[in-house]
Amino acid sequence: MNEISRYVPITKAKNDLLELIRQVERVDESVAVTKNGVPAAVILSMEKYAGLLEMLEILSDEDTAKSLRTSIRQARKGKWLRTDQVFRR
């Protein structure tokens, strides 16, 4: 997931909420809203939110998470399979 794109003080977010929402949708960015200079909330597009929920669901499955960790370790070691080895017809 991408990092926070920018930080906006809560007063500015309140005053410019409609435009802020439009920008988040258009650019697909994540914006942190700060309160007294400290991040208090995040505004993100519905697409990003849905993706986040999907990822949490996938990672909450122990077998799937274990398989992903194994795949990541293998990839870091340069152990790759060709597409035809994975998807045999």
PDB file of N, CA and C in Angstrom:
ATOM      1  N   MET A   1       0.849  -1.169   0.000  1.00  0.00           N
ATOM      2  CA  MET A   1       0.000   0.000   0.000  1.00  0.00           C
ATOM      3  C   MET A   1       0.884   1.217   0.000  1.00  0.00           C
ATOM      4  N   ASN A   2       0.464   2.213  -0.681  1.00  0.00           N
ATOM      5  CA  ASN A   2       1.262   3.435  -0.759  1.00  0.00           C
ATOM      6  C   ASN A   2       1.265   4.162   0.570  1.00  0.00           C
ATOM      7  N   GLU A   3       2.272   4.996   0.746  1.00  0.00           N
ATOM      8  CA  GLU A   3       2.383   5.814   1.939  1.00  0.00           C
ATOM      9  C   GLU A   3       1.349   6.947   1.897  1.00  0.00           C
ATOM     10  N   ILE A   4       1.254   7.656   2.990  1.00  0.00           N
ATOM     11  CA  ILE A   4       0.390   8.838   3.044  1.00  0.00           C
ATOM     12  C   ILE A   4       0.937   9.860   2.056  1.00  0.00           C
ATOM     13  N   SER A   5       0.075  10.382   1.196  1.00  0.00           N
ATOM     14  CA  SER A   5       0.497  11.334   0.170  1.00  0.00           C
ATOM     15  C   SER A   5       0.751  12.724   0.743  1.00  0.00           C
ATOM     16  N   ARG A   6      -0.106  13.114   1.680  1.00  0.00           N
ATOM     17  CA  ARG A   6       0.078  14.441   2.285  1.00  0.00           C
ATOM     18  C   ARG A   6      -0.680  14.520   3.600  1.00  0.00           C
ATOM     19  N   TYR A   7      -0.364  15.578   4.332  1.00  0.00           N
ATOM     20  CA  TYR A   7      -0.959  15.817   5.641  1.00  0.00           C
ATOM     21  C   TYR A   7      -1.714  17.139   5.589  1.00  0.00           C
ATOM     22  N   VAL A   8      -2.933  17.127   6.125  1.00  0.00           N
ATOM     23  CA  VAL A   8      -3.780  18.321   6.088  1.00  0.00           C
ATOM     24  C   VAL A   8      -4.298  18.587   7.508  1.00  0.00           C
ATOM     25  N   PRO A   9      -4.132  19.807   7.994  1.00  0.00           N
ATOM     26  CA  PRO A   9      -4.685  20.145   9.318  1.00  0.00           C
ATOM     27  C   PRO A   9      -6.207  19.975   9.324  1.00  0.00           C
ATOM     28  N   ILE A  10      -6.744  19.592  10.444  1.00  0.00           N
ATOM     29  CA  ILE A  10      -8.173  19.298  10.547  1.00  0.00           C
ATOM     30  C   ILE A  10      -9.049  20.494  10.167  1.00  0.00           C
ATOM     31  N   THR A  11      -8.620  21.704  10.507  1.00  0.00           N
ATOM     32  CA  THR A  11      -9.399  22.894  10.157  1.00  0.00           C
ATOM     33  C   THR A  11      -9.481  23.063   8.649  1.00  0.00           C
ATOM     34  N   LYS A  12      -8.362  22.869   7.958  1.00  0.00           N
ATOM     35  CA  LYS A  12      -8.360  22.963   6.499  1.00  0.00           C
ATOM     36  C   LYS A  12      -9.199  21.841   5.900  1.00  0.00           C
ATOM     37  N   ALA A  13      -9.093  20.642   6.450  1.00  0.00           N
ATOM     38  CA  ALA A  13      -9.886  19.510   5.960  1.00  0.00           C
ATOM     39  C   ALA A  13     -11.375  19.796   6.101  1.00  0.00           C
ATOM     40  N   LYS A  14     -11.755  20.373   7.228  1.00  0.00           N
ATOM     41  CA  LYS A  14     -13.161  20.703   7.464  1.00  0.00           C
ATOM     42  C   LYS A  14     -13.647  21.747   6.457  1.00  0.00           C
ATOM     43  N   ASN A  15     -12.848  22.771   6.244  1.00  0.00           N
ATOM     44  CA  ASN A  15     -13.245  23.844   5.332  1.00  0.00           C
ATOM     45  C   ASN A  15     -13.255  23.409   3.867  1.00  0.00           C
ATOM     46  N   ASP A  16     -12.362  22.477   3.511  1.00  0.00           N
ATOM     47  CA  ASP A  16     -12.205  22.070   2.115  1.00  0.00           C
ATOM     48  C   ASP A  16     -12.585  20.608   1.885  1.00  0.00           C
ATOM     49  N   LEU A  17     -13.490  20.072   2.697  1.00  0.00           N
ATOM     50  CA  LEU A  17     -13.776  18.644   2.657  1.00  0.00           C
ATOM     51  C   LEU A  17     -14.225  18.151   1.277  1.00  0.00           C
ATOM     52  N   LEU A  18     -15.138  18.850   0.636  1.00  0.00           N
ATOM     53  CA  LEU A  18     -15.632  18.410  -0.674  1.00  0.00           C
ATOM     54  C   LEU A  18     -14.481  18.331  -1.688  1.00  0.00           C
ATOM     55  N   GLU A  19     -13.648  19.349  -1.751  1.00  0.00           N
ATOM     56  CA  GLU A  19     -12.526  19.346  -2.683  1.00  0.00           C
ATOM     57  C   GLU A  19     -11.499  18.274  -2.310  1.00  0.00           C
ATOM     58  N   LEU A  20     -11.292  18.077  -1.027  1.00  0.00           N
ATOM     59  CA  LEU A  20     -10.362  17.053  -0.565  1.00  0.00           C
ATOM     60  C   LEU A  20     -10.833  15.659  -0.997  1.00  0.00           C
ATOM     61  N   ILE A  21     -12.112  15.403  -0.851  1.00  0.00           N
ATOM     62  CA  ILE A  21     -12.691  14.123  -1.283  1.00  0.00           C
ATOM     63  C   ILE A  21     -12.540  13.952  -2.794  1.00  0.00           C
ATOM     64  N   ARG A  22     -12.809  14.983  -3.539  1.00  0.00           N
ATOM     65  CA  ARG A  22     -12.659  14.917  -5.000  1.00  0.00           C
ATOM     66  C   ARG A  22     -11.218  14.587  -5.390  1.00  0.00           C
ATOM     67  N   GLN A  23     -10.264  15.210  -4.721  1.00  0.00           N
ATOM     68  CA  GLN A  23      -8.851  14.956  -5.021  1.00  0.00           C
ATOM     69  C   GLN A  23      -8.457  13.525  -4.682  1.00  0.00           C
ATOM     70  N   VAL A  24      -8.930  13.031  -3.552  1.00  0.00           N
ATOM     71  CA  VAL A  24      -8.623  11.662  -3.132  1.00  0.00           C
ATOM     72  C   VAL A  24      -9.172  10.673  -4.156  1.00  0.00           C
ATOM     73  N   GLU A  25     -10.370  10.911  -4.635  1.00  0.00           N
ATOM     74  CA  GLU A  25     -10.965  10.039  -5.654  1.00  0.00           C
ATOM     75  C   GLU A  25     -10.218  10.138  -6.978  1.00  0.00           C
ATOM     76  N   ARG A  26      -9.900  11.351  -7.384  1.00  0.00           N
ATOM     77  CA  ARG A  26      -9.282  11.586  -8.697  1.00  0.00           C
ATOM     78  C   ARG A  26      -7.853  11.064  -8.757  1.00  0.00           C
ATOM     79  N   VAL A  27      -7.067  11.346  -7.744  1.00  0.00           N
ATOM     80  CA  VAL A  27      -5.644  11.021  -7.749  1.00  0.00           C
ATOM     81  C   VAL A  27      -5.373   9.679  -7.059  1.00  0.00           C
ATOM     82  N   ASP A  28      -6.369   9.143  -6.354  1.00  0.00           N
ATOM     83  CA  ASP A  28      -6.235   7.895  -5.602  1.00  0.00           C
ATOM     84  C   ASP A  28      -5.085   7.987  -4.614  1.00  0.00           C
ATOM     85  N   GLU A  29      -5.130   9.024  -3.784  1.00  0.00           N
ATOM     86  CA  GLU A  29      -4.105   9.221  -2.775  1.00  0.00           C
ATOM     87  C   GLU A  29      -4.694   9.007  -1.388  1.00  0.00           C
ATOM     88  N   SER A  30      -3.832   8.901  -0.416  1.00  0.00           N
ATOM     89  CA  SER A  30      -4.236   8.813   0.984  1.00  0.00           C
ATOM     90  C   SER A  30      -3.807  10.105   1.666  1.00  0.00           C
ATOM     91  N   VAL A  31      -4.729  10.719   2.386  1.00  0.00           N
ATOM     92  CA  VAL A  31      -4.457  11.989   3.052  1.00  0.00           C
ATOM     93  C   VAL A  31      -4.663  11.810   4.556  1.00  0.00           C
ATOM     94  N   ALA A  32      -3.653  12.172   5.320  1.00  0.00           N
ATOM     95  CA  ALA A  32      -3.778  12.139   6.778  1.00  0.00           C
ATOM     96  C   ALA A  32      -4.295  13.485   7.251  1.00  0.00           C
ATOM     97  N   VAL A  33      -5.269  13.443   8.117  1.00  0.00           N
ATOM     98  CA  VAL A  33      -5.803  14.658   8.726  1.00  0.00           C
ATOM     99  C   VAL A  33      -5.158  14.779  10.103  1.00  0.00           C
ATOM    100  N   THR A  34      -4.551  15.942  10.341  1.00  0.00           N
ATOM    101  CA  THR A  34      -3.831  16.132  11.603  1.00  0.00           C
ATOM    102  C   THR A  34      -4.621  16.993  12.577  1.00  0.00           C
ATOM    103  N   LYS A  35      -4.428  16.699  13.834  1.00  0.00           N
ATOM    104  CA  LYS A  35      -5.027  17.477  14.919  1.00  0.00           C
ATOM    105  C   LYS A  35      -3.880  17.877  15.828  1.00  0.00           C
ATOM    106  N   ASN A  36      -3.642  19.183  15.938  1.00  0.00           N
ATOM    107  CA  ASN A  36      -2.501  19.702  16.700  1.00  0.00           C
ATOM    108  C   ASN A  36      -1.180  19.138  16.168  1.00  0.00           C
ATOM    109  N   GLY A  37      -1.109  18.990  14.839  1.00  0.00           N
ATOM    110  CA  GLY A  37       0.114  18.530  14.202  1.00  0.00           C
ATOM    111  C   GLY A  37       0.346  17.026  14.228  1.00  0.00           C
ATOM    112  N   VAL A  38      -0.568  16.279  14.826  1.00  0.00           N
ATOM    113  CA  VAL A  38      -0.426  14.825  14.951  1.00  0.00           C
ATOM    114  C   VAL A  38      -1.484  14.144  14.076  1.00  0.00           C
ATOM    115  N   PRO A  39      -1.098  13.178  13.232  1.00  0.00           N
ATOM    116  CA  PRO A  39      -2.082  12.484  12.408  1.00  0.00           C
ATOM    117  C   PRO A  39      -3.173  11.852  13.275  1.00  0.00           C
ATOM    118  N   ALA A  40      -4.436  12.135  12.936  1.00  0.00           N
ATOM    119  CA  ALA A  40      -5.564  11.639  13.725  1.00  0.00           C
ATOM    120  C   ALA A  40      -6.486  10.731  12.916  1.00  0.00           C
ATOM    121  N   ALA A  41      -6.491  10.896  11.591  1.00  0.00           N
ATOM    122  CA  ALA A  41      -7.369  10.100  10.734  1.00  0.00           C
ATOM    123  C   ALA A  41      -6.788  10.078   9.327  1.00  0.00           C
ATOM    124  N   VAL A  42      -7.299   9.168   8.526  1.00  0.00           N
ATOM    125  CA  VAL A  42      -6.847   9.063   7.143  1.00  0.00           C
ATOM    126  C   VAL A  42      -8.071   9.061   6.232  1.00  0.00           C
ATOM    127  N   ILE A  43      -7.970   9.805   5.144  1.00  0.00           N
ATOM    128  CA  ILE A  43      -9.010   9.803   4.120  1.00  0.00           C
ATOM    129  C   ILE A  43      -8.426   9.081   2.912  1.00  0.00           C
ATOM    130  N   LEU A  44      -9.152   8.058   2.435  1.00  0.00           N
ATOM    131  CA  LEU A  44      -8.702   7.344   1.253  1.00  0.00           C
ATOM    132  C   LEU A  44      -9.899   6.982   0.391  1.00  0.00           C
ATOM    133  N   SER A  45      -9.624   6.689  -0.873  1.00  0.00           N
ATOM    134  CA  SER A  45     -10.705   6.372  -1.809  1.00  0.00           C
ATOM    135  C   SER A  45     -11.369   5.058  -1.410  1.00  0.00           C
ATOM    136  N   MET A  46     -12.603   4.862  -1.864  1.00  0.00           N
ATOM    137  CA  MET A  46     -13.313   3.618  -1.597  1.00  0.00           C
ATOM    138  C   MET A  46     -12.570   2.441  -2.226  1.00  0.00           C
ATOM    139  N   GLU A  47     -11.956   2.673  -3.377  1.00  0.00           N
ATOM    140  CA  GLU A  47     -11.193   1.609  -4.044  1.00  0.00           C
ATOM    141  C   GLU A  47     -10.021   1.156  -3.161  1.00  0.00           C
ATOM    142  N   LYS A  48      -9.311   2.118  -2.603  1.00  0.00           N
ATOM    143  CA  LYS A  48      -8.189   1.793  -1.717  1.00  0.00           C
ATOM    144  C   LYS A  48      -8.682   1.108  -0.445  1.00  0.00           C
ATOM    145  N   TYR A  49      -9.781   1.591   0.079  1.00  0.00           N
ATOM    146  CA  TYR A  49     -10.367   1.015   1.291  1.00  0.00           C
ATOM    147  C   TYR A  49     -10.787  -0.437   1.044  1.00  0.00           C
ATOM    148  N   ALA A  50     -11.449  -0.684  -0.076  1.00  0.00           N
ATOM    149  CA  ALA A  50     -11.879  -2.041  -0.414  1.00  0.00           C
ATOM    150  C   ALA A  50     -10.661  -2.955  -0.571  1.00  0.00           C
ATOM    151  N   GLY A  51      -9.603  -2.447  -1.212  1.00  0.00           N
ATOM    152  CA  GLY A  51      -8.387  -3.223  -1.368  1.00  0.00           C
ATOM    153  C   GLY A  51      -7.747  -3.545  -0.031  1.00  0.00           C
ATOM    154  N   LEU A  52      -7.774  -2.602   0.871  1.00  0.00           N
ATOM    155  CA  LEU A  52      -7.226  -2.805   2.206  1.00  0.00           C
ATOM    156  C   LEU A  52      -7.999  -3.890   2.952  1.00  0.00           C
ATOM    157  N   LEU A  53      -9.325  -3.833   2.877  1.00  0.00           N
ATOM    158  CA  LEU A  53     -10.144  -4.860   3.525  1.00  0.00           C
ATOM    159  C   LEU A  53      -9.894  -6.239   2.918  1.00  0.00           C
ATOM    160  N   GLU A  54      -9.758  -6.288   1.596  1.00  0.00           N
ATOM    161  CA  GLU A  54      -9.475  -7.553   0.925  1.00  0.00           C
ATOM    162  C   GLU A  54      -8.127  -8.116   1.381  1.00  0.00           C
ATOM    163  N   MET A  55      -7.126  -7.251   1.475  1.00  0.00           N
ATOM    164  CA  MET A  55      -5.809  -7.697   1.916  1.00  0.00           C
ATOM    165  C   MET A  55      -5.864  -8.207   3.357  1.00  0.00           C
ATOM    166  N   LEU A  56      -6.593  -7.534   4.213  1.00  0.00           N
ATOM    167  CA  LEU A  56      -6.730  -7.992   5.596  1.00  0.00           C
ATOM    168  C   LEU A  56      -7.409  -9.352   5.659  1.00  0.00           C
ATOM    169  N   GLU A  57      -8.405  -9.544   4.821  1.00  0.00           N
ATOM    170  CA  GLU A  57      -9.100 -10.830   4.775  1.00  0.00           C
ATOM    171  C   GLU A  57      -8.150 -11.944   4.315  1.00  0.00           C
ATOM    172  N   ILE A  58      -7.369 -11.664   3.281  1.00  0.00           N
ATOM    173  CA  ILE A  58      -6.410 -12.650   2.768  1.00  0.00           C
ATOM    174  C   ILE A  58      -5.381 -12.990   3.839  1.00  0.00           C
ATOM    175  N   LEU A  59      -4.827 -11.965   4.470  1.00  0.00           N
ATOM    176  CA  LEU A  59      -3.776 -12.190   5.460  1.00  0.00           C
ATOM    177  C   LEU A  59      -4.296 -12.802   6.761  1.00  0.00           C
ATOM    178  N   SER A  60      -5.598 -12.702   7.001  1.00  0.00           N
ATOM    179  CA  SER A  60      -6.145 -13.303   8.212  1.00  0.00           C
ATOM    180  C   SER A  60      -6.297 -14.816   8.066  1.00  0.00           C
ATOM    181  N   ASP A  61      -6.206 -15.324   6.837  1.00  0.00           N
ATOM    182  CA  ASP A  61      -6.228 -16.768   6.603  1.00  0.00           C
ATOM    183  C   ASP A  61      -4.813 -17.296   6.815  1.00  0.00           C
ATOM    184  N   GLU A  62      -4.627 -18.108   7.838  1.00  0.00           N
ATOM    185  CA  GLU A  62      -3.291 -18.563   8.231  1.00  0.00           C
ATOM    186  C   GLU A  62      -2.563 -19.313   7.111  1.00  0.00           C
ATOM    187  N   ASP A  63      -3.255 -20.180   6.402  1.00  0.00           N
ATOM    188  CA  ASP A  63      -2.616 -20.941   5.324  1.00  0.00           C
ATOM    189  C   ASP A  63      -2.174 -20.036   4.184  1.00  0.00           C
ATOM    190  N   THR A  64      -3.023 -19.082   3.831  1.00  0.00           N
ATOM    191  CA  THR A  64      -2.686 -18.156   2.756  1.00  0.00           C
ATOM    192  C   THR A  64      -1.497 -17.282   3.150  1.00  0.00           C
ATOM    193  N   ALA A  65      -1.516 -16.778   4.371  1.00  0.00           N
ATOM    194  CA  ALA A  65      -0.417 -15.935   4.848  1.00  0.00           C
ATOM    195  C   ALA A  65       0.897 -16.716   4.862  1.00  0.00           C
ATOM    196  N   LYS A  66       0.850 -17.971   5.279  1.00  0.00           N
ATOM    197  CA  LYS A  66       2.055 -18.811   5.294  1.00  0.00           C
ATOM    198  C   LYS A  66       2.576 -19.020   3.872  1.00  0.00           C
ATOM    199  N   SER A  67       1.675 -19.279   2.945  1.00  0.00           N
ATOM    200  CA  SER A  67       2.057 -19.467   1.546  1.00  0.00           C
ATOM    201  C   SER A  67       2.680 -18.203   0.963  1.00  0.00           C
ATOM    202  N   LEU A  68       2.108 -17.042   1.299  1.00  0.00           N
ATOM    203  CA  LEU A  68       2.661 -15.773   0.822  1.00  0.00           C
ATOM    204  C   LEU A  68       4.059 -15.528   1.388  1.00  0.00           C
ATOM    205  N   ARG A  69       4.248 -15.811   2.666  1.00  0.00           N
ATOM    206  CA  ARG A  69       5.572 -15.634   3.279  1.00  0.00           C
ATOM    207  C   ARG A  69       6.611 -16.539   2.612  1.00  0.00           C
ATOM    208  N   THR A  70       6.213 -17.772   2.328  1.00  0.00           N
ATOM    209  CA  THR A  70       7.112 -18.708   1.643  1.00  0.00           C
ATOM    210  C   THR A  70       7.467 -18.178   0.258  1.00  0.00           C
ATOM    211  N   SER A  71       6.474 -17.702  -0.465  1.00  0.00           N
ATOM    212  CA  SER A  71       6.704 -17.166  -1.813  1.00  0.00           C
ATOM    213  C   SER A  71       7.630 -15.958  -1.783  1.00  0.00           C
ATOM    214  N   ILE A  72       7.455 -15.103  -0.815  1.00  0.00           N
ATOM    215  CA  ILE A  72       8.305 -13.912  -0.695  1.00  0.00           C
ATOM    216  C   ILE A  72       9.745 -14.322  -0.413  1.00  0.00           C
ATOM    217  N   ARG A  73       9.931 -15.289   0.488  1.00  0.00           N
ATOM    218  CA  ARG A  73      11.295 -15.770   0.774  1.00  0.00           C
ATOM    219  C   ARG A  73      11.940 -16.358  -0.474  1.00  0.00           C
ATOM    220  N   GLN A  74      11.181 -17.152  -1.220  1.00  0.00           N
ATOM    221  CA  GLN A  74      11.710 -17.758  -2.443  1.00  0.00           C
ATOM    222  C   GLN A  74      12.053 -16.689  -3.481  1.00  0.00           C
ATOM    223  N   ALA A  75      11.210 -15.698  -3.615  1.00  0.00           N
ATOM    224  CA  ALA A  75      11.460 -14.624  -4.583  1.00  0.00           C
ATOM    225  C   ALA A  75      12.726 -13.856  -4.216  1.00  0.00           C
ATOM    226  N   ARG A  76      12.923 -13.599  -2.935  1.00  0.00           N
ATOM    227  CA  ARG A  76      14.130 -12.889  -2.491  1.00  0.00           C
ATOM    228  C   ARG A  76      15.399 -13.684  -2.793  1.00  0.00           C
ATOM    229  N   LYS A  77      15.261 -15.002  -2.821  1.00  0.00           N
ATOM    230  CA  LYS A  77      16.411 -15.863  -3.143  1.00  0.00           C
ATOM    231  C   LYS A  77      16.557 -16.061  -4.651  1.00  0.00           C
ATOM    232  N   GLY A  78      15.663 -15.448  -5.420  1.00  0.00           N
ATOM    233  CA  GLY A  78      15.738 -15.561  -6.873  1.00  0.00           C
ATOM    234  C   GLY A  78      15.146 -16.844  -7.417  1.00  0.00           C
ATOM    235  N   LYS A  79      14.352 -17.515  -6.642  1.00  0.00           N
ATOM    236  CA  LYS A  79      13.713 -18.767  -7.069  1.00  0.00           C
ATOM    237  C   LYS A  79      12.370 -18.443  -7.741  1.00  0.00           C
ATOM    238  N   TRP A  80      12.416 -18.291  -9.031  1.00  0.00           N
ATOM    239  CA  TRP A  80      11.231 -17.946  -9.803  1.00  0.00           C
ATOM    240  C   TRP A  80      10.819 -19.117 -10.680  1.00  0.00           C
ATOM    241  N   LEU A  81       9.539 -19.226 -10.959  1.00  0.00           N
ATOM    242  CA  LEU A  81       9.021 -20.209 -11.897  1.00  0.00           C
ATOM    243  C   LEU A  81       8.504 -19.485 -13.130  1.00  0.00           C
ATOM    244  N   ARG A  82       8.662 -20.131 -14.278  1.00  0.00           N
ATOM    245  CA  ARG A  82       8.086 -19.578 -15.497  1.00  0.00           C
ATOM    246  C   ARG A  82       6.562 -19.737 -15.430  1.00  0.00           C
ATOM    247  N   THR A  83       5.862 -18.913 -16.153  1.00  0.00           N
ATOM    248  CA  THR A  83       4.404 -18.956 -16.169  1.00  0.00           C
ATOM    249  C   THR A  83       3.894 -20.337 -16.558  1.00  0.00           C
ATOM    250  N   ASP A  84       4.518 -20.964 -17.554  1.00  0.00           N
ATOM    251  CA  ASP A  84       4.051 -22.282 -17.998  1.00  0.00           C
ATOM    252  C   ASP A  84       4.285 -23.371 -16.940  1.00  0.00           C
ATOM    253  N   GLN A  85       5.196 -23.128 -15.981  1.00  0.00           N
ATOM    254  CA  GLN A  85       5.398 -24.075 -14.901  1.00  0.00           C
ATOM    255  C   GLN A  85       4.298 -23.948 -13.839  1.00  0.00           C
ATOM    256  N   VAL A  86       3.754 -22.770 -13.733  1.00  0.00           N
ATOM    257  CA  VAL A  86       2.718 -22.520 -12.733  1.00  0.00           C
ATOM    258  C   VAL A  86       1.339 -22.869 -13.292  1.00  0.00           C
ATOM    259  N   PHE A  87       1.079 -22.412 -14.508  1.00  0.00           N
ATOM    260  CA  PHE A  87      -0.222 -22.595 -15.146  1.00  0.00           C
ATOM    261  C   PHE A  87      -0.113 -23.603 -16.286  1.00  0.00           C
ATOM    262  N   ARG A  88      -0.100 -24.864 -15.936  1.00  0.00           N
ATOM    263  CA  ARG A  88       0.016 -25.921 -16.941  1.00  0.00           C
ATOM    264  C   ARG A  88      -1.341 -26.165 -17.569  1.00  0.00           C
ATOM    265  N   ARG A  89      -1.315 -26.370 -18.855  1.00  0.00           N
ATOM    266  CA  ARG A  89      -2.584 -26.602 -19.574  1.00  0.00           C
ATOM    267  C   ARG A  89      -2.855 -28.058 -19.736  1.00  0.00           C
TER     268      ARG A  89
END
